[in-house]
Amino acid sequence: MATKSGIFKSCLFGCLGILVFGFLFAAISALLAWRGLDDQEMTEQALAPVAATEIGTRAASAGRVVLALGQGEFRIRPAAPDEGLRVETRYDKEAYELLDSFEKAPDGTWVYRLDFHRTMPGLQAIFRALMGADTENYVHIYLPPDVPIALEIGVEEGGFEADIGGLWITSADIVYNKGGFEFSVDEPLREPMDRLSIKGSMGGFEASGLGNASPRALDVHCRMGGADLDLDGPWSRDCDVNLSVRMGGMSVRVPDEVAVTGVEGLETGLRTDVSEVPVPTLRFTRQEKMGEVEIMRR
C-alpha cells in the first residue's frame, strides 16, 4: 500500500514536471518569436474582389457577405455610392492569413467570403509583440449602399466596429467568442431589416440605434459576458425581441415612441402626445440564468 509520503513525492514530481514543460514551451516560443522578428513582412492591400465590378452595375442582385474574423482590428463601413464592395487590409503575412472568394449564381445573386485569422501560435505572437514587432493588423470592409446584402459575421478572439447606417442590410447574423464589438446604425437603412441575431460567449458588445434598422425579429443571446442594447431610432414596424443571458448581464434601453409588451411597468410608459396613428410595438421575451436582463425606458 502506498504511503502518504510516497503519494506526496509523486504529486510533487508531477507538478515539477508540468512546470519544467511549461517553462521549456515558453522559452521555445520566445526563441521563435525573436528569430522571426527579422522575417516580419507587413503587407498593405486594397482588395478589389470581383463583387466590386459585378454588383456595381447590378444593383438589384442580392448578395451575401460572410466574414470570418480573428485576432485583429476590423471595421465595417458604407462605401461610396456606385463604388461596389472593397476591402483594405494591413497585416503580417508570416503571422496571419487572409483568404477571400466571390461566387455568383445563374440568377445573379452572389456570395463574397473573407477569412482572416492568425496562423502563429498565441504565445509566440505575445512574445513577438513584447519584443517590438509591428502589431497593427487590420481589415476594413466597405459595403455598397445600393445593394441588398445579408451579412454574416463570425469573430474569434478579436473585435470589430461596424456602422451600417444608410446601407441595405436585409439581415445580420453575428456570432462572437472571446471577443467584443460595437454595432451601430446611425441613420435609417434603405429598407427595414428582416432579422438581427447576435449570439456569443466570453465577451461583450454594444449595439445602438437599432430603431434605424427596424428588424422584424431581434434575437440576442449572450453567455459569460455583457451586452448594452440601445433601441433608439424611428421604428417603422413591430418587432419580436427575444433576449437571453447566462452568467452575465444585459442592459436594454427602449425609446418612448414605441409600445412595449412583455415587460411589467413599461407598457404604460408610452408617450401619448407624439402621434395619433398606431405606433410600433416591441414584444419582449427574456430568459435569465445566473444573470439579469434589465429593460428600461430612455
Protein backbone atom coordinates (compact mmCIF):
# COMPACT_ATOMS: atom_id res chain seq x y z
CA MET A 1 0.00 0.00 0.00
CA ALA A 2 1.42 3.42 -0.94
CA THR A 3 2.44 5.64 1.95
CA LYS A 4 1.39 9.28 2.31
CA SER A 5 5.00 10.32 1.78
CA GLY A 6 5.18 8.35 -1.48
CA ILE A 7 1.97 9.92 -2.76
CA PHE A 8 3.27 13.37 -1.83
CA LYS A 9 6.54 12.78 -3.69
CA SER A 10 4.69 11.55 -6.77
CA CYS A 11 2.48 14.66 -6.80
CA LEU A 12 5.49 16.90 -6.22
CA PHE A 13 7.47 15.40 -9.10
CA GLY A 14 4.40 15.57 -11.32
CA CYS A 15 3.92 19.28 -10.58
CA LEU A 16 7.62 19.95 -11.16
CA GLY A 17 7.41 18.15 -14.49
CA ILE A 18 4.49 20.33 -15.55
CA LEU A 19 6.36 23.49 -14.53
CA VAL A 20 9.50 22.42 -16.40
CA PHE A 21 7.46 21.61 -19.50
CA GLY A 22 5.71 24.96 -19.29
CA PHE A 23 9.00 26.80 -18.93
CA LEU A 24 10.52 25.00 -21.90
CA PHE A 25 7.43 25.68 -24.02
CA ALA A 26 7.56 29.39 -23.15
CA ALA A 27 11.31 29.53 -23.82
CA ILE A 28 10.89 27.91 -27.24
CA SER A 29 8.04 30.28 -28.10
CA ALA A 30 10.17 33.27 -27.09
CA LEU A 31 13.10 32.00 -29.17
CA LEU A 32 10.92 31.51 -32.23
CA ALA A 33 9.41 34.96 -31.78
CA TRP A 34 12.88 36.54 -31.52
CA ARG A 35 14.17 34.72 -34.60
CA GLY A 36 11.08 35.72 -36.56
CA LEU A 37 11.44 39.47 -35.98
CA ASP A 38 13.76 39.89 -38.96
CA ASP A 39 11.37 37.92 -41.16
CA GLN A 40 8.33 40.06 -40.40
CA GLU A 41 6.66 41.12 -43.64
CA MET A 42 3.91 43.68 -43.30
CA THR A 43 1.73 43.99 -46.36
CA GLU A 44 -0.95 46.54 -47.25
CA GLN A 45 -3.59 45.62 -49.79
CA ALA A 46 -6.66 47.23 -51.27
CA LEU A 47 -8.67 44.24 -52.43
CA ALA A 48 -11.00 44.75 -55.36
CA PRO A 49 -12.94 41.48 -55.45
CA VAL A 50 -14.99 40.54 -58.46
CA ALA A 51 -18.00 41.66 -56.49
CA ALA A 52 -16.82 45.26 -56.79
CA THR A 53 -17.43 45.25 -60.53
CA GLU A 54 -20.30 42.78 -60.69
CA ILE A 55 -22.58 44.37 -58.12
CA GLY A 56 -21.69 47.91 -59.14
CA THR A 57 -23.72 47.51 -62.33
CA ARG A 58 -26.39 45.18 -60.98
CA ALA A 59 -27.89 46.96 -58.01
CA ALA A 60 -30.90 44.64 -57.98
CA SER A 61 -28.80 41.49 -57.44
CA ALA A 62 -28.99 40.48 -53.80
CA GLY A 63 -25.84 39.22 -52.15
CA ARG A 64 -24.42 37.65 -49.02
CA VAL A 65 -21.24 38.77 -47.27
CA VAL A 66 -19.67 36.18 -44.96
CA LEU A 67 -16.86 37.39 -42.70
CA ALA A 68 -14.76 35.05 -40.52
CA LEU A 69 -12.53 37.29 -38.42
CA GLY A 70 -9.99 36.54 -35.73
CA GLN A 71 -7.24 38.23 -33.73
CA GLY A 72 -7.20 41.65 -35.35
CA GLU A 73 -8.85 45.03 -35.79
CA PHE A 74 -11.89 45.04 -38.06
CA ARG A 75 -14.19 47.78 -39.31
CA ILE A 76 -17.30 47.74 -41.46
CA ARG A 77 -18.40 50.95 -43.16
CA PRO A 78 -20.59 52.11 -46.06
CA ALA A 79 -18.82 52.51 -49.37
CA ALA A 80 -19.41 55.46 -51.65
CA PRO A 81 -22.44 55.21 -54.00
CA ASP A 82 -21.74 53.03 -57.08
CA GLU A 83 -18.35 52.05 -55.65
CA GLY A 84 -19.12 48.40 -55.03
CA LEU A 85 -17.63 46.25 -52.33
CA ARG A 86 -13.99 46.80 -51.40
CA VAL A 87 -11.57 45.75 -48.66
CA GLU A 88 -8.47 47.43 -47.25
CA THR A 89 -6.01 45.36 -45.21
CA ARG A 90 -2.68 45.58 -43.41
CA TYR A 91 -1.19 42.53 -41.73
CA ASP A 92 1.92 40.46 -41.06
CA LYS A 93 1.99 37.74 -43.72
CA GLU A 94 4.13 35.48 -41.53
CA ALA A 95 1.66 35.56 -38.63
CA TYR A 96 -1.72 35.95 -40.39
CA GLU A 97 -3.57 34.61 -43.39
CA LEU A 98 -6.22 36.32 -45.48
CA LEU A 99 -8.42 34.45 -47.94
CA ASP A 100 -11.34 35.77 -49.96
CA SER A 101 -13.61 34.47 -52.68
CA PHE A 102 -16.55 35.54 -54.81
CA GLU A 103 -19.25 33.33 -56.30
CA LYS A 104 -22.16 34.30 -58.50
CA ALA A 105 -25.20 32.14 -59.16
CA PRO A 106 -27.01 31.98 -62.54
CA ASP A 107 -29.84 34.11 -61.14
CA GLY A 108 -27.42 36.95 -60.41
CA THR A 109 -27.24 36.53 -56.65
CA TRP A 110 -23.73 36.37 -55.21
CA VAL A 111 -21.67 35.47 -52.13
CA TYR A 112 -18.47 37.17 -51.00
CA ARG A 113 -16.42 35.40 -48.29
CA LEU A 114 -13.47 36.76 -46.38
CA ASP A 115 -11.44 34.79 -43.82
CA PHE A 116 -8.75 36.49 -41.74
CA HIS A 117 -7.06 34.69 -38.86
CA ARG A 118 -3.74 34.26 -37.11
CA THR A 119 -1.62 31.30 -38.13
CA MET A 120 1.10 31.81 -35.48
CA PRO A 121 0.59 30.23 -32.02
CA GLY A 122 -0.84 32.68 -29.49
CA LEU A 123 2.05 32.59 -27.01
CA GLN A 124 4.59 33.17 -29.78
CA ALA A 125 2.54 36.12 -31.01
CA ILE A 126 2.53 37.61 -27.48
CA PHE A 127 6.32 37.33 -27.21
CA ARG A 128 6.64 38.80 -30.70
CA ALA A 129 4.66 41.86 -29.65
CA LEU A 130 6.65 42.26 -26.42
CA MET A 131 9.87 42.25 -28.45
CA GLY A 132 8.75 45.22 -30.53
CA ALA A 133 7.14 43.64 -33.58
CA ASP A 134 4.66 45.67 -35.62
CA THR A 135 1.22 44.59 -34.38
CA GLU A 136 -1.02 46.90 -36.44
CA ASN A 137 -3.10 44.30 -38.25
CA TYR A 138 -6.48 45.37 -39.59
CA VAL A 139 -9.18 44.63 -42.15
CA HIS A 140 -11.59 47.36 -43.25
CA ILE A 141 -14.65 46.28 -45.24
CA TYR A 142 -16.70 48.79 -47.24
CA LEU A 143 -20.19 47.67 -48.27
CA PRO A 144 -22.15 49.22 -51.17
CA PRO A 145 -25.25 51.17 -50.05
CA ASP A 146 -27.38 50.39 -53.11
CA VAL A 147 -27.32 46.57 -52.96
CA PRO A 148 -29.41 44.28 -50.70
CA ILE A 149 -26.97 42.30 -48.55
CA ALA A 150 -27.37 39.53 -45.98
CA LEU A 151 -24.49 39.96 -43.54
CA GLU A 152 -22.87 37.12 -41.57
CA ILE A 153 -20.06 37.87 -39.12
CA GLY A 154 -18.08 35.43 -37.01
CA VAL A 155 -15.48 36.82 -34.58
CA GLU A 156 -12.98 34.71 -32.63
CA GLU A 157 -10.67 36.28 -30.04
CA GLY A 158 -11.00 39.69 -31.59
CA GLY A 159 -13.32 42.59 -32.07
CA PHE A 160 -14.86 44.80 -34.69
CA GLU A 161 -16.57 48.13 -35.10
CA ALA A 162 -19.46 48.35 -37.53
CA ASP A 163 -21.65 51.23 -38.67
CA ILE A 164 -24.25 50.07 -41.19
CA GLY A 165 -26.30 53.28 -41.25
CA GLY A 166 -27.70 54.01 -44.72
CA LEU A 167 -26.91 50.54 -46.08
CA TRP A 168 -29.36 47.99 -47.48
CA ILE A 169 -28.85 45.16 -44.99
CA THR A 170 -31.64 42.59 -45.25
CA SER A 171 -30.42 40.53 -42.26
CA ALA A 172 -27.41 40.31 -39.96
CA ASP A 173 -26.19 37.26 -38.05
CA ILE A 174 -23.32 37.89 -35.63
CA VAL A 175 -21.53 35.18 -33.64
CA TYR A 176 -18.65 36.03 -31.32
CA ASN A 177 -16.39 34.08 -28.98
CA LYS A 178 -13.84 35.59 -26.60
CA GLY A 179 -14.24 39.00 -28.14
CA GLY A 180 -16.28 42.15 -28.29
CA PHE A 181 -17.61 44.68 -30.74
CA GLU A 182 -19.56 47.87 -31.34
CA PHE A 183 -22.51 47.73 -33.73
CA SER A 184 -24.29 50.94 -34.64
CA VAL A 185 -26.98 52.10 -37.05
CA ASP A 186 -26.55 55.88 -37.12
CA GLU A 187 -29.20 56.51 -39.77
CA PRO A 188 -32.15 54.55 -41.19
CA LEU A 189 -31.37 51.67 -43.52
CA ARG A 190 -32.58 51.80 -47.08
CA GLU A 191 -35.16 49.14 -46.17
CA PRO A 192 -36.06 47.75 -42.72
CA MET A 193 -34.05 44.70 -41.74
CA ASP A 194 -35.80 41.35 -41.57
CA ARG A 195 -33.71 39.88 -38.74
CA LEU A 196 -30.85 40.82 -36.45
CA SER A 197 -29.30 37.95 -34.48
CA ILE A 198 -26.40 38.27 -32.03
CA LYS A 199 -25.06 35.22 -30.21
CA GLY A 200 -21.84 34.79 -28.29
CA SER A 201 -19.89 33.89 -25.20
CA MET A 202 -16.99 35.15 -23.12
CA GLY A 203 -17.15 38.74 -24.32
CA GLY A 204 -19.33 41.78 -24.58
CA PHE A 205 -20.74 44.24 -27.06
CA GLU A 206 -22.65 47.48 -27.54
CA ALA A 207 -25.39 47.93 -30.13
CA SER A 208 -27.01 51.32 -30.72
CA GLY A 209 -29.59 52.96 -32.98
CA LEU A 210 -31.37 49.67 -33.66
CA GLY A 211 -34.63 51.50 -34.34
CA ASN A 212 -32.99 52.75 -37.54
CA ALA A 213 -32.74 49.13 -38.65
CA SER A 214 -36.30 48.23 -37.52
CA PRO A 215 -35.76 44.44 -37.68
CA ARG A 216 -38.86 42.30 -37.69
CA ALA A 217 -37.08 39.96 -35.25
CA LEU A 218 -34.27 40.79 -32.81
CA ASP A 219 -32.57 37.83 -31.10
CA VAL A 220 -29.75 38.41 -28.60
CA HIS A 221 -28.18 35.59 -26.61
CA CYS A 222 -25.02 36.05 -24.54
CA ARG A 223 -23.18 33.81 -22.09
CA MET A 224 -20.41 34.73 -19.67
CA GLY A 225 -20.37 38.35 -20.73
CA GLY A 226 -22.37 41.52 -21.04
CA ALA A 227 -24.42 43.43 -23.58
CA ASP A 228 -25.66 47.01 -23.90
CA LEU A 229 -28.55 47.50 -26.33
CA ASP A 230 -29.95 50.88 -27.32
CA LEU A 231 -33.16 50.54 -29.33
CA ASP A 232 -33.33 54.24 -30.16
CA GLY A 233 -34.36 55.39 -33.62
CA PRO A 234 -37.55 55.71 -35.70
CA TRP A 235 -39.09 52.22 -35.60
CA SER A 236 -41.14 51.61 -38.73
CA ARG A 237 -42.83 48.35 -37.69
CA ASP A 238 -43.41 45.86 -34.88
CA CYS A 239 -40.58 43.69 -33.61
CA ASP A 240 -40.32 40.41 -31.69
CA VAL A 241 -37.42 40.87 -29.25
CA ASN A 242 -36.03 37.64 -27.78
CA LEU A 243 -33.33 38.14 -25.14
CA SER A 244 -31.42 35.61 -23.06
CA VAL A 245 -28.42 35.82 -20.76
CA ARG A 246 -26.45 33.21 -18.84
CA MET A 247 -23.78 34.15 -16.33
CA GLY A 248 -23.78 37.78 -17.35
CA GLY A 249 -25.83 40.93 -17.68
CA MET A 250 -27.74 42.78 -20.35
CA SER A 251 -28.99 46.36 -20.39
CA VAL A 252 -31.72 47.40 -22.85
CA ARG A 253 -32.97 50.95 -23.41
CA VAL A 254 -36.31 51.46 -25.14
CA PRO A 255 -37.41 54.77 -26.74
CA ASP A 256 -40.60 56.47 -25.60
CA GLU A 257 -42.12 56.44 -29.09
CA VAL A 258 -42.88 52.69 -29.15
CA ALA A 259 -45.30 50.46 -27.32
CA VAL A 260 -43.97 47.58 -25.24
CA THR A 261 -45.41 44.21 -24.26
CA GLY A 262 -43.87 41.52 -22.07
CA VAL A 263 -42.14 43.91 -19.65
CA GLU A 264 -44.00 44.79 -16.50
CA GLY A 265 -44.08 48.52 -15.86
CA LEU A 266 -43.14 49.64 -19.37
CA GLU A 267 -46.49 49.14 -21.07
CA THR A 268 -47.74 52.39 -19.53
CA GLY A 269 -44.58 54.36 -20.33
CA LEU A 270 -45.59 55.18 -23.91
CA ARG A 271 -45.94 58.86 -24.73
CA THR A 272 -49.43 59.74 -25.96
CA ASP A 273 -48.62 63.19 -27.35
CA VAL A 274 -46.36 62.01 -30.19
CA SER A 275 -48.84 60.88 -32.81
CA GLU A 276 -52.45 59.82 -33.25
CA VAL A 277 -51.57 56.95 -35.59
CA PRO A 278 -50.74 53.48 -34.20
CA VAL A 279 -47.14 53.19 -33.05
CA PRO A 280 -44.85 50.18 -33.48
CA THR A 281 -44.89 47.57 -30.72
CA LEU A 282 -41.84 45.78 -29.34
CA ARG A 283 -42.87 42.37 -27.98
CA PHE A 284 -40.31 41.16 -25.43
CA THR A 285 -39.49 37.68 -24.20
CA ARG A 286 -36.46 37.02 -21.99
CA GLN A 287 -34.62 34.22 -20.28
CA GLU A 288 -32.21 34.68 -17.39
CA LYS A 289 -29.90 32.11 -15.79
CA MET A 290 -27.32 33.31 -13.31
CA GLY A 291 -27.70 36.76 -14.87
CA GLU A 292 -30.09 39.63 -15.43
CA VAL A 293 -31.76 41.41 -18.34
CA GLU A 294 -32.64 44.97 -17.41
CA ILE A 295 -35.11 46.75 -19.71
CA MET A 296 -35.86 50.43 -19.21
CA ARG A 297 -37.20 53.49 -21.00
CA ARG A 298 -34.66 56.02 -22.20
